[in-house]
Amino acid sequence: IFNNRVNEKTGSWSTTTLVLGMGFVASLSMSLIVEGKGTFNIQNMEP
């Protein structure tokens, strides 16, 4: 619902950029708070 309201004012690509950008900032912040440096432990992840 929120994405749809943003889309009405800005457009699909702006909405997507805003949503995923804010999600990145929020998840990175929470991950650093909760996991600390473990956030960057991605060696064993499939490409």
ModelCIF file with pLDDT and N, C-alpha, C, O atoms, coordinates in Angstrom:
data_MODEL
#
_entry.id   MODEL 
#
_entity.id                         1 
_entity.type                       polymer 
_entity.pdbx_number_of_molecules   1 
#
_entity_poly.entity_id                      1 
_entity_poly.type                           'polypeptide(L)' 
_entity_poly.nstd_linkage                   no 
_entity_poly.nstd_monomer                   no 
_entity_poly.pdbx_seq_one_letter_code       IFNNRVNEKTGSWSTTTLVLGMGFVASLSMSLIVEGKGTFNIQNMEP 
_entity_poly.pdbx_seq_one_letter_code_can   IFNNRVNEKTGSWSTTTLVLGMGFVASLSMSLIVEGKGTFNIQNMEP 
_entity_poly.pdbx_strand_id                 A 
#
loop_
_entity_poly_seq.entity_id 
_entity_poly_seq.num 
_entity_poly_seq.mon_id 
_entity_poly_seq.hetero 
1 1  ILE n 
1 2  PHE n 
1 3  ASN n 
1 4  ASN n 
1 5  ARG n 
1 6  VAL n 
1 7  ASN n 
1 8  GLU n 
1 9  LYS n 
1 10 THR n 
1 11 GLY n 
1 12 SER n 
1 13 TRP n 
1 14 SER n 
1 15 THR n 
1 16 THR n 
1 17 THR n 
1 18 LEU n 
1 19 VAL n 
1 20 LEU n 
1 21 GLY n 
1 22 MET n 
1 23 GLY n 
1 24 PHE n 
1 25 VAL n 
1 26 ALA n 
1 27 SER n 
1 28 LEU n 
1 29 SER n 
1 30 MET n 
1 31 SER n 
1 32 LEU n 
1 33 ILE n 
1 34 VAL n 
1 35 GLU n 
1 36 GLY n 
1 37 LYS n 
1 38 GLY n 
1 39 THR n 
1 40 PHE n 
1 41 ASN n 
1 42 ILE n 
1 43 GLN n 
1 44 ASN n 
1 45 MET n 
1 46 GLU n 
1 47 PRO n 
#
_struct_asym.id          A 
_struct_asym.entity_id   1 
#
loop_
_ma_qa_metric.id 
_ma_qa_metric.mode 
_ma_qa_metric.name 
_ma_qa_metric.software_group_id 
_ma_qa_metric.type 
1 global pLDDT . pLDDT 
2 local  pLDDT . pLDDT 
#
_ma_qa_metric_global.metric_id      1 
_ma_qa_metric_global.metric_value   89.49 
_ma_qa_metric_global.model_id       1 
_ma_qa_metric_global.ordinal_id     1 
#
loop_
_ma_qa_metric_local.label_asym_id 
_ma_qa_metric_local.label_comp_id 
_ma_qa_metric_local.label_seq_id 
_ma_qa_metric_local.metric_id 
_ma_qa_metric_local.metric_value 
_ma_qa_metric_local.model_id 
_ma_qa_metric_local.ordinal_id 
A ILE 1  2 86.00 1 1  
A PHE 2  2 89.00 1 2  
A ASN 3  2 90.00 1 3  
A ASN 4  2 88.00 1 4  
A ARG 5  2 90.00 1 5  
A VAL 6  2 92.00 1 6  
A ASN 7  2 90.00 1 7  
A GLU 8  2 90.00 1 8  
A LYS 9  2 92.00 1 9  
A THR 10 2 92.00 1 10 
A GLY 11 2 89.00 1 11 
A SER 12 2 89.00 1 12 
A TRP 13 2 91.00 1 13 
A SER 14 2 93.00 1 14 
A THR 15 2 92.00 1 15 
A THR 16 2 91.00 1 16 
A THR 17 2 93.00 1 17 
A LEU 18 2 92.00 1 18 
A VAL 19 2 90.00 1 19 
A LEU 20 2 91.00 1 20 
A GLY 21 2 93.00 1 21 
A MET 22 2 93.00 1 22 
A GLY 23 2 92.00 1 23 
A PHE 24 2 93.00 1 24 
A VAL 25 2 96.00 1 25 
A ALA 26 2 95.00 1 26 
A SER 27 2 93.00 1 27 
A LEU 28 2 94.00 1 28 
A SER 29 2 95.00 1 29 
A MET 30 2 95.00 1 30 
A SER 31 2 93.00 1 31 
A LEU 32 2 95.00 1 32 
A ILE 33 2 95.00 1 33 
A VAL 34 2 94.00 1 34 
A GLU 35 2 91.00 1 35 
A GLY 36 2 91.00 1 36 
A LYS 37 2 86.00 1 37 
A GLY 38 2 85.00 1 38 
A THR 39 2 85.00 1 39 
A PHE 40 2 84.00 1 40 
A ASN 41 2 83.00 1 41 
A ILE 42 2 80.00 1 42 
A GLN 43 2 81.00 1 43 
A ASN 44 2 79.00 1 44 
A MET 45 2 79.00 1 45 
A GLU 46 2 78.00 1 46 
A PRO 47 2 78.00 1 47 
#
loop_
_atom_site.group_PDB 
_atom_site.id 
_atom_site.type_symbol 
_atom_site.label_atom_id 
_atom_site.label_alt_id 
_atom_site.label_comp_id 
_atom_site.label_asym_id 
_atom_site.label_entity_id 
_atom_site.label_seq_id 
_atom_site.pdbx_PDB_ins_code 
_atom_site.Cartn_x 
_atom_site.Cartn_y 
_atom_site.Cartn_z 
_atom_site.occupancy 
_atom_site.B_iso_or_equiv 
_atom_site.pdbx_formal_charge 
_atom_site.auth_seq_id 
_atom_site.auth_comp_id 
_atom_site.auth_asym_id 
_atom_site.auth_atom_id 
_atom_site.pdbx_PDB_model_num 
ATOM 1   N N  . ILE A 1 1  ? 0.843  -1.205  0.000   1.00 86.00 ? 1  ILE A N  1 
ATOM 2   C CA . ILE A 1 1  ? 0.000  0.000   0.000   1.00 86.00 ? 1  ILE A CA 1 
ATOM 3   C C  . ILE A 1 1  ? 0.871  1.247   0.000   1.00 86.00 ? 1  ILE A C  1 
ATOM 4   O O  . ILE A 1 1  ? 0.622  2.178   -0.765  1.00 86.00 ? 1  ILE A O  1 
ATOM 5   N N  . PHE A 1 2  ? 1.889  1.272   0.850   1.00 89.00 ? 2  PHE A N  1 
ATOM 6   C CA . PHE A 1 2  ? 2.798  2.425   0.892   1.00 89.00 ? 2  PHE A CA 1 
ATOM 7   C C  . PHE A 1 2  ? 3.516  2.594   -0.448  1.00 89.00 ? 2  PHE A C  1 
ATOM 8   O O  . PHE A 1 2  ? 3.621  3.705   -0.967  1.00 89.00 ? 2  PHE A O  1 
ATOM 9   N N  . ASN A 1 3  ? 4.007  1.492   -0.999  1.00 90.00 ? 3  ASN A N  1 
ATOM 10  C CA . ASN A 1 3  ? 4.716  1.558   -2.289  1.00 90.00 ? 3  ASN A CA 1 
ATOM 11  C C  . ASN A 1 3  ? 3.805  2.129   -3.370  1.00 90.00 ? 3  ASN A C  1 
ATOM 12  O O  . ASN A 1 3  ? 4.242  2.922   -4.204  1.00 90.00 ? 3  ASN A O  1 
ATOM 13  N N  . ASN A 1 4  ? 2.547  1.725   -3.353  1.00 88.00 ? 4  ASN A N  1 
ATOM 14  C CA . ASN A 1 4  ? 1.605  2.212   -4.342  1.00 88.00 ? 4  ASN A CA 1 
ATOM 15  C C  . ASN A 1 4  ? 1.415  3.728   -4.212  1.00 88.00 ? 4  ASN A C  1 
ATOM 16  O O  . ASN A 1 4  ? 1.323  4.432   -5.218  1.00 88.00 ? 4  ASN A O  1 
ATOM 17  N N  . ARG A 1 5  ? 1.358  4.222   -2.984  1.00 90.00 ? 5  ARG A N  1 
ATOM 18  C CA . ARG A 1 5  ? 1.199  5.668   -2.764  1.00 90.00 ? 5  ARG A CA 1 
ATOM 19  C C  . ARG A 1 5  ? 2.443  6.428   -3.241  1.00 90.00 ? 5  ARG A C  1 
ATOM 20  O O  . ARG A 1 5  ? 2.327  7.494   -3.847  1.00 90.00 ? 5  ARG A O  1 
ATOM 21  N N  . VAL A 1 6  ? 3.611  5.885   -2.969  1.00 92.00 ? 6  VAL A N  1 
ATOM 22  C CA . VAL A 1 6  ? 4.847  6.524   -3.449  1.00 92.00 ? 6  VAL A CA 1 
ATOM 23  C C  . VAL A 1 6  ? 4.871  6.514   -4.969  1.00 92.00 ? 6  VAL A C  1 
ATOM 24  O O  . VAL A 1 6  ? 5.252  7.504   -5.593  1.00 92.00 ? 6  VAL A O  1 
ATOM 25  N N  . ASN A 1 7  ? 4.463  5.398   -5.567  1.00 90.00 ? 7  ASN A N  1 
ATOM 26  C CA . ASN A 1 7  ? 4.448  5.262   -7.022  1.00 90.00 ? 7  ASN A CA 1 
ATOM 27  C C  . ASN A 1 7  ? 3.544  6.302   -7.676  1.00 90.00 ? 7  ASN A C  1 
ATOM 28  O O  . ASN A 1 7  ? 3.856  6.801   -8.757  1.00 90.00 ? 7  ASN A O  1 
ATOM 29  N N  . GLU A 1 8  ? 2.428  6.631   -7.028  1.00 90.00 ? 8  GLU A N  1 
ATOM 30  C CA . GLU A 1 8  ? 1.519  7.639   -7.578  1.00 90.00 ? 8  GLU A CA 1 
ATOM 31  C C  . GLU A 1 8  ? 2.198  8.997   -7.707  1.00 90.00 ? 8  GLU A C  1 
ATOM 32  O O  . GLU A 1 8  ? 1.854  9.785   -8.589  1.00 90.00 ? 8  GLU A O  1 
ATOM 33  N N  . LYS A 1 9  ? 3.153  9.269   -6.837  1.00 92.00 ? 9  LYS A N  1 
ATOM 34  C CA . LYS A 1 9  ? 3.819  10.576  -6.830  1.00 92.00 ? 9  LYS A CA 1 
ATOM 35  C C  . LYS A 1 9  ? 5.119  10.592  -7.619  1.00 92.00 ? 9  LYS A C  1 
ATOM 36  O O  . LYS A 1 9  ? 5.516  11.641  -8.125  1.00 92.00 ? 9  LYS A O  1 
ATOM 37  N N  . THR A 1 10 ? 5.804  9.428   -7.738  1.00 92.00 ? 10 THR A N  1 
ATOM 38  C CA . THR A 1 10 ? 7.147  9.453   -8.310  1.00 92.00 ? 10 THR A CA 1 
ATOM 39  C C  . THR A 1 10 ? 7.346  8.574   -9.533  1.00 92.00 ? 10 THR A C  1 
ATOM 40  O O  . THR A 1 10 ? 8.095  8.954   -10.433 1.00 92.00 ? 10 THR A O  1 
ATOM 41  N N  . GLY A 1 11 ? 6.709  7.418   -9.601  1.00 89.00 ? 11 GLY A N  1 
ATOM 42  C CA . GLY A 1 11 ? 6.926  6.461   -10.677 1.00 89.00 ? 11 GLY A CA 1 
ATOM 43  C C  . GLY A 1 11 ? 7.523  5.170   -10.136 1.00 89.00 ? 11 GLY A C  1 
ATOM 44  O O  . GLY A 1 11 ? 8.028  5.123   -9.014  1.00 89.00 ? 11 GLY A O  1 
ATOM 45  N N  . SER A 1 12 ? 7.454  4.130   -10.950 1.00 89.00 ? 12 SER A N  1 
ATOM 46  C CA . SER A 1 12 ? 7.843  2.779   -10.508 1.00 89.00 ? 12 SER A CA 1 
ATOM 47  C C  . SER A 1 12 ? 9.319  2.655   -10.157 1.00 89.00 ? 12 SER A C  1 
ATOM 48  O O  . SER A 1 12 ? 9.669  2.074   -9.130  1.00 89.00 ? 12 SER A O  1 
ATOM 49  N N  . TRP A 1 13 ? 10.180 3.195   -11.003 1.00 91.00 ? 13 TRP A N  1 
ATOM 50  C CA . TRP A 1 13 ? 11.615 3.015   -10.750 1.00 91.00 ? 13 TRP A CA 1 
ATOM 51  C C  . TRP A 1 13 ? 12.076 3.843   -9.557  1.00 91.00 ? 13 TRP A C  1 
ATOM 52  O O  . TRP A 1 13 ? 12.930 3.401   -8.788  1.00 91.00 ? 13 TRP A O  1 
ATOM 53  N N  . SER A 1 14 ? 11.524 5.026   -9.398  1.00 93.00 ? 14 SER A N  1 
ATOM 54  C CA . SER A 1 14 ? 11.859 5.836   -8.217  1.00 93.00 ? 14 SER A CA 1 
ATOM 55  C C  . SER A 1 14 ? 11.375 5.133   -6.955  1.00 93.00 ? 14 SER A C  1 
ATOM 56  O O  . SER A 1 14 ? 12.074 5.101   -5.941  1.00 93.00 ? 14 SER A O  1 
ATOM 57  N N  . THR A 1 15 ? 10.170 4.571   -7.029  1.00 92.00 ? 15 THR A N  1 
ATOM 58  C CA . THR A 1 15 ? 9.632  3.842   -5.881  1.00 92.00 ? 15 THR A CA 1 
ATOM 59  C C  . THR A 1 15 ? 10.523 2.675   -5.524  1.00 92.00 ? 15 THR A C  1 
ATOM 60  O O  . THR A 1 15 ? 10.851 2.469   -4.356  1.00 92.00 ? 15 THR A O  1 
ATOM 61  N N  . THR A 1 16 ? 10.919 1.907   -6.532  1.00 91.00 ? 16 THR A N  1 
ATOM 62  C CA . THR A 1 16 ? 11.771 0.741   -6.291  1.00 91.00 ? 16 THR A CA 1 
ATOM 63  C C  . THR A 1 16 ? 13.101 1.153   -5.685  1.00 91.00 ? 16 THR A C  1 
ATOM 64  O O  . THR A 1 16 ? 13.583 0.518   -4.747  1.00 91.00 ? 16 THR A O  1 
ATOM 65  N N  . THR A 1 17 ? 13.692 2.208   -6.215  1.00 93.00 ? 17 THR A N  1 
ATOM 66  C CA . THR A 1 17 ? 14.965 2.699   -5.684  1.00 93.00 ? 17 THR A CA 1 
ATOM 67  C C  . THR A 1 17 ? 14.814 3.142   -4.232  1.00 93.00 ? 17 THR A C  1 
ATOM 68  O O  . THR A 1 17 ? 15.645 2.814   -3.386  1.00 93.00 ? 17 THR A O  1 
ATOM 69  N N  . LEU A 1 18 ? 13.762 3.880   -3.954  1.00 92.00 ? 18 LEU A N  1 
ATOM 70  C CA . LEU A 1 18 ? 13.518 4.357   -2.597  1.00 92.00 ? 18 LEU A CA 1 
ATOM 71  C C  . LEU A 1 18 ? 13.290 3.192   -1.636  1.00 92.00 ? 18 LEU A C  1 
ATOM 72  O O  . LEU A 1 18 ? 13.894 3.136   -0.565  1.00 92.00 ? 18 LEU A O  1 
ATOM 73  N N  . VAL A 1 19 ? 12.421 2.267   -2.023  1.00 90.00 ? 19 VAL A N  1 
ATOM 74  C CA . VAL A 1 19 ? 12.074 1.140   -1.152  1.00 90.00 ? 19 VAL A CA 1 
ATOM 75  C C  . VAL A 1 19 ? 13.294 0.274   -0.865  1.00 90.00 ? 19 VAL A C  1 
ATOM 76  O O  . VAL A 1 19 ? 13.589 -0.028  0.291   1.00 90.00 ? 19 VAL A O  1 
ATOM 77  N N  . LEU A 1 20 ? 13.995 -0.122  -1.912  1.00 91.00 ? 20 LEU A N  1 
ATOM 78  C CA . LEU A 1 20 ? 15.143 -1.007  -1.707  1.00 91.00 ? 20 LEU A CA 1 
ATOM 79  C C  . LEU A 1 20 ? 16.316 -0.270  -1.075  1.00 91.00 ? 20 LEU A C  1 
ATOM 80  O O  . LEU A 1 20 ? 17.075 -0.864  -0.309  1.00 91.00 ? 20 LEU A O  1 
ATOM 81  N N  . GLY A 1 21 ? 16.476 1.012   -1.383  1.00 93.00 ? 21 GLY A N  1 
ATOM 82  C CA . GLY A 1 21 ? 17.545 1.800   -0.760  1.00 93.00 ? 21 GLY A CA 1 
ATOM 83  C C  . GLY A 1 21 ? 17.322 1.967   0.736   1.00 93.00 ? 21 GLY A C  1 
ATOM 84  O O  . GLY A 1 21 ? 18.242 1.794   1.536   1.00 93.00 ? 21 GLY A O  1 
ATOM 85  N N  . MET A 1 22 ? 16.081 2.308   1.107   1.00 93.00 ? 22 MET A N  1 
ATOM 86  C CA . MET A 1 22 ? 15.770 2.448   2.529   1.00 93.00 ? 22 MET A CA 1 
ATOM 87  C C  . MET A 1 22 ? 15.864 1.093   3.234   1.00 93.00 ? 22 MET A C  1 
ATOM 88  O O  . MET A 1 22 ? 16.305 1.012   4.380   1.00 93.00 ? 22 MET A O  1 
ATOM 89  N N  . GLY A 1 23 ? 15.447 0.037   2.541   1.00 92.00 ? 23 GLY A N  1 
ATOM 90  C CA . GLY A 1 23 ? 15.567 -1.310  3.107   1.00 92.00 ? 23 GLY A CA 1 
ATOM 91  C C  . GLY A 1 23 ? 17.017 -1.691  3.338   1.00 92.00 ? 23 GLY A C  1 
ATOM 92  O O  . GLY A 1 23 ? 17.352 -2.320  4.342   1.00 92.00 ? 23 GLY A O  1 
ATOM 93  N N  . PHE A 1 24 ? 17.883 -1.304  2.396   1.00 93.00 ? 24 PHE A N  1 
ATOM 94  C CA . PHE A 1 24 ? 19.308 -1.585  2.553   1.00 93.00 ? 24 PHE A CA 1 
ATOM 95  C C  . PHE A 1 24 ? 19.875 -0.871  3.776   1.00 93.00 ? 24 PHE A C  1 
ATOM 96  O O  . PHE A 1 24 ? 20.573 -1.475  4.591   1.00 93.00 ? 24 PHE A O  1 
ATOM 97  N N  . VAL A 1 25 ? 19.573 0.407   3.895   1.00 96.00 ? 25 VAL A N  1 
ATOM 98  C CA . VAL A 1 25 ? 20.083 1.185   5.029   1.00 96.00 ? 25 VAL A CA 1 
ATOM 99  C C  . VAL A 1 25 ? 19.576 0.612   6.350   1.00 96.00 ? 25 VAL A C  1 
ATOM 100 O O  . VAL A 1 25 ? 20.341 0.452   7.301   1.00 96.00 ? 25 VAL A O  1 
ATOM 101 N N  . ALA A 1 26 ? 18.281 0.304   6.398   1.00 95.00 ? 26 ALA A N  1 
ATOM 102 C CA . ALA A 1 26 ? 17.695 -0.224  7.633   1.00 95.00 ? 26 ALA A CA 1 
ATOM 103 C C  . ALA A 1 26 ? 18.269 -1.596  7.980   1.00 95.00 ? 26 ALA A C  1 
ATOM 104 O O  . ALA A 1 26 ? 18.628 -1.843  9.132   1.00 95.00 ? 26 ALA A O  1 
ATOM 105 N N  . SER A 1 27 ? 18.359 -2.491  6.991   1.00 93.00 ? 27 SER A N  1 
ATOM 106 C CA . SER A 1 27 ? 18.853 -3.841  7.292   1.00 93.00 ? 27 SER A CA 1 
ATOM 107 C C  . SER A 1 27 ? 20.340 -3.834  7.620   1.00 93.00 ? 27 SER A C  1 
ATOM 108 O O  . SER A 1 27 ? 20.782 -4.592  8.483   1.00 93.00 ? 27 SER A O  1 
ATOM 109 N N  . LEU A 1 28 ? 21.119 -2.992  6.946   1.00 94.00 ? 28 LEU A N  1 
ATOM 110 C CA . LEU A 1 28 ? 22.540 -2.902  7.265   1.00 94.00 ? 28 LEU A CA 1 
ATOM 111 C C  . LEU A 1 28 ? 22.726 -2.372  8.685   1.00 94.00 ? 28 LEU A C  1 
ATOM 112 O O  . LEU A 1 28 ? 23.552 -2.885  9.440   1.00 94.00 ? 28 LEU A O  1 
ATOM 113 N N  . SER A 1 29 ? 21.963 -1.352  9.042   1.00 95.00 ? 29 SER A N  1 
ATOM 114 C CA . SER A 1 29 ? 22.068 -0.794  10.400  1.00 95.00 ? 29 SER A CA 1 
ATOM 115 C C  . SER A 1 29 ? 21.718 -1.836  11.452  1.00 95.00 ? 29 SER A C  1 
ATOM 116 O O  . SER A 1 29 ? 22.457 -2.016  12.420  1.00 95.00 ? 29 SER A O  1 
ATOM 117 N N  . MET A 1 30 ? 20.594 -2.523  11.267  1.00 95.00 ? 30 MET A N  1 
ATOM 118 C CA . MET A 1 30 ? 20.177 -3.539  12.245  1.00 95.00 ? 30 MET A CA 1 
ATOM 119 C C  . MET A 1 30 ? 21.176 -4.693  12.291  1.00 95.00 ? 30 MET A C  1 
ATOM 120 O O  . MET A 1 30 ? 21.475 -5.212  13.367  1.00 95.00 ? 30 MET A O  1 
ATOM 121 N N  . SER A 1 31 ? 21.690 -5.095  11.139  1.00 93.00 ? 31 SER A N  1 
ATOM 122 C CA . SER A 1 31 ? 22.657 -6.183  11.108  1.00 93.00 ? 31 SER A CA 1 
ATOM 123 C C  . SER A 1 31 ? 23.930 -5.822  11.855  1.00 93.00 ? 31 SER A C  1 
ATOM 124 O O  . SER A 1 31 ? 24.483 -6.645  12.585  1.00 93.00 ? 31 SER A O  1 
ATOM 125 N N  . LEU A 1 32 ? 24.390 -4.598  11.674  1.00 95.00 ? 32 LEU A N  1 
ATOM 126 C CA . LEU A 1 32 ? 25.597 -4.157  12.384  1.00 95.00 ? 32 LEU A CA 1 
ATOM 127 C C  . LEU A 1 32 ? 25.358 -4.106  13.888  1.00 95.00 ? 32 LEU A C  1 
ATOM 128 O O  . LEU A 1 32 ? 26.245 -4.435  14.675  1.00 95.00 ? 32 LEU A O  1 
ATOM 129 N N  . ILE A 1 33 ? 24.152 -3.692  14.284  1.00 95.00 ? 33 ILE A N  1 
ATOM 130 C CA . ILE A 1 33 ? 23.826 -3.645  15.712  1.00 95.00 ? 33 ILE A CA 1 
ATOM 131 C C  . ILE A 1 33 ? 23.752 -5.050  16.293  1.00 95.00 ? 33 ILE A C  1 
ATOM 132 O O  . ILE A 1 33 ? 24.296 -5.305  17.368  1.00 95.00 ? 33 ILE A O  1 
ATOM 133 N N  . VAL A 1 34 ? 23.087 -5.958  15.599  1.00 94.00 ? 34 VAL A N  1 
ATOM 134 C CA . VAL A 1 34 ? 22.838 -7.303  16.123  1.00 94.00 ? 34 VAL A CA 1 
ATOM 135 C C  . VAL A 1 34 ? 24.023 -8.240  15.913  1.00 94.00 ? 34 VAL A C  1 
ATOM 136 O O  . VAL A 1 34 ? 24.402 -8.974  16.826  1.00 94.00 ? 34 VAL A O  1 
ATOM 137 N N  . GLU A 1 35 ? 24.612 -8.221  14.713  1.00 91.00 ? 35 GLU A N  1 
ATOM 138 C CA . GLU A 1 35 ? 25.667 -9.187  14.375  1.00 91.00 ? 35 GLU A CA 1 
ATOM 139 C C  . GLU A 1 35 ? 27.072 -8.602  14.381  1.00 91.00 ? 35 GLU A C  1 
ATOM 140 O O  . GLU A 1 35 ? 28.053 -9.345  14.370  1.00 91.00 ? 35 GLU A O  1 
ATOM 141 N N  . GLY A 1 36 ? 27.176 -7.294  14.397  1.00 91.00 ? 36 GLY A N  1 
ATOM 142 C CA . GLY A 1 36 ? 28.494 -6.663  14.385  1.00 91.00 ? 36 GLY A CA 1 
ATOM 143 C C  . GLY A 1 36 ? 29.259 -6.990  13.118  1.00 91.00 ? 36 GLY A C  1 
ATOM 144 O O  . GLY A 1 36 ? 28.707 -6.946  12.018  1.00 91.00 ? 36 GLY A O  1 
ATOM 145 N N  . LYS A 1 37 ? 30.529 -7.319  13.276  1.00 86.00 ? 37 LYS A N  1 
ATOM 146 C CA . LYS A 1 37 ? 31.373 -7.620  12.123  1.00 86.00 ? 37 LYS A CA 1 
ATOM 147 C C  . LYS A 1 37 ? 30.953 -8.892  11.402  1.00 86.00 ? 37 LYS A C  1 
ATOM 148 O O  . LYS A 1 37 ? 31.329 -9.101  10.249  1.00 86.00 ? 37 LYS A O  1 
ATOM 149 N N  . GLY A 1 38 ? 30.180 -9.743  12.064  1.00 85.00 ? 38 GLY A N  1 
ATOM 150 C CA . GLY A 1 38 ? 29.669 -10.959 11.431  1.00 85.00 ? 38 GLY A CA 1 
ATOM 151 C C  . GLY A 1 38 ? 28.799 -10.674 10.215  1.00 85.00 ? 38 GLY A C  1 
ATOM 152 O O  . GLY A 1 38 ? 28.559 -11.555 9.389   1.00 85.00 ? 38 GLY A O  1 
ATOM 153 N N  . THR A 1 39 ? 28.331 -9.438  10.115  1.00 85.00 ? 39 THR A N  1 
ATOM 154 C CA . THR A 1 39 ? 27.535 -9.022  8.958   1.00 85.00 ? 39 THR A CA 1 
ATOM 155 C C  . THR A 1 39 ? 28.281 -9.284  7.657   1.00 85.00 ? 39 THR A C  1 
ATOM 156 O O  . THR A 1 39 ? 27.669 -9.618  6.642   1.00 85.00 ? 39 THR A O  1 
ATOM 157 N N  . PHE A 1 40 ? 29.583 -9.135  7.686   1.00 84.00 ? 40 PHE A N  1 
ATOM 158 C CA . PHE A 1 40 ? 30.376 -9.221  6.462   1.00 84.00 ? 40 PHE A CA 1 
ATOM 159 C C  . PHE A 1 40 ? 31.002 -10.602 6.262   1.00 84.00 ? 40 PHE A C  1 
ATOM 160 O O  . PHE A 1 40 ? 31.867 -10.767 5.402   1.00 84.00 ? 40 PHE A O  1 
ATOM 161 N N  . ASN A 1 41 ? 30.577 -11.589 7.042   1.00 83.00 ? 41 ASN A N  1 
ATOM 162 C CA . ASN A 1 41 ? 31.088 -12.952 6.922   1.00 83.00 ? 41 ASN A CA 1 
ATOM 163 C C  . ASN A 1 41 ? 30.282 -13.690 5.855   1.00 83.00 ? 41 ASN A C  1 
ATOM 164 O O  . ASN A 1 41 ? 29.303 -14.370 6.159   1.00 83.00 ? 41 ASN A O  1 
ATOM 165 N N  . ILE A 1 42 ? 30.711 -13.544 4.596   1.00 80.00 ? 42 ILE A N  1 
ATOM 166 C CA . ILE A 1 42 ? 29.955 -14.119 3.478   1.00 80.00 ? 42 ILE A CA 1 
ATOM 167 C C  . ILE A 1 42 ? 30.811 -15.041 2.607   1.00 80.00 ? 42 ILE A C  1 
ATOM 168 O O  . ILE A 1 42 ? 30.479 -15.284 1.447   1.00 80.00 ? 42 ILE A O  1 
ATOM 169 N N  . GLN A 1 43 ? 31.905 -15.552 3.160   1.00 81.00 ? 43 GLN A N  1 
ATOM 170 C CA . GLN A 1 43 ? 32.802 -16.384 2.370   1.00 81.00 ? 43 GLN A CA 1 
ATOM 171 C C  . GLN A 1 43 ? 32.150 -17.675 1.865   1.00 81.00 ? 43 GLN A C  1 
ATOM 172 O O  . GLN A 1 43 ? 32.454 -18.122 0.759   1.00 81.00 ? 43 GLN A O  1 
ATOM 173 N N  . ASN A 1 44 ? 31.274 -18.269 2.645   1.00 79.00 ? 44 ASN A N  1 
ATOM 174 C CA . ASN A 1 44 ? 30.721 -19.572 2.290   1.00 79.00 ? 44 ASN A CA 1 
ATOM 175 C C  . ASN A 1 44 ? 29.413 -19.490 1.511   1.00 79.00 ? 44 ASN A C  1 
ATOM 176 O O  . ASN A 1 44 ? 28.677 -20.473 1.416   1.00 79.00 ? 44 ASN A O  1 
ATOM 177 N N  . MET A 1 45 ? 29.130 -18.329 0.961   1.00 79.00 ? 45 MET A N  1 
ATOM 178 C CA . MET A 1 45 ? 27.884 -18.156 0.231   1.00 79.00 ? 45 MET A CA 1 
ATOM 179 C C  . MET A 1 45 ? 28.087 -18.487 -1.247  1.00 79.00 ? 45 MET A C  1 
ATOM 180 O O  . MET A 1 45 ? 29.084 -18.102 -1.858  1.00 79.00 ? 45 MET A O  1 
ATOM 181 N N  . GLU A 1 46 ? 27.116 -19.209 -1.803  1.00 78.00 ? 46 GLU A N  1 
ATOM 182 C CA . GLU A 1 46 ? 27.162 -19.513 -3.232  1.00 78.00 ? 46 GLU A CA 1 
ATOM 183 C C  . GLU A 1 46 ? 27.047 -18.208 -4.027  1.00 78.00 ? 46 GLU A C  1 
ATOM 184 O O  . GLU A 1 46 ? 26.227 -17.355 -3.686  1.00 78.00 ? 46 GLU A O  1 
ATOM 185 N N  . PRO A 1 47 ? 27.851 -18.042 -5.074  1.00 78.00 ? 47 PRO A N  1 
ATOM 186 C CA . PRO A 1 47 ? 27.821 -16.779 -5.846  1.00 78.00 ? 47 PRO A CA 1 
ATOM 187 C C  . PRO A 1 47 ? 26.445 -16.448 -6.437  1.00 78.00 ? 47 PRO A C  1 
ATOM 188 O O  . PRO A 1 47 ? 26.289 -15.424 -7.101  1.00 78.00 ? 47 PRO A O  1 
#
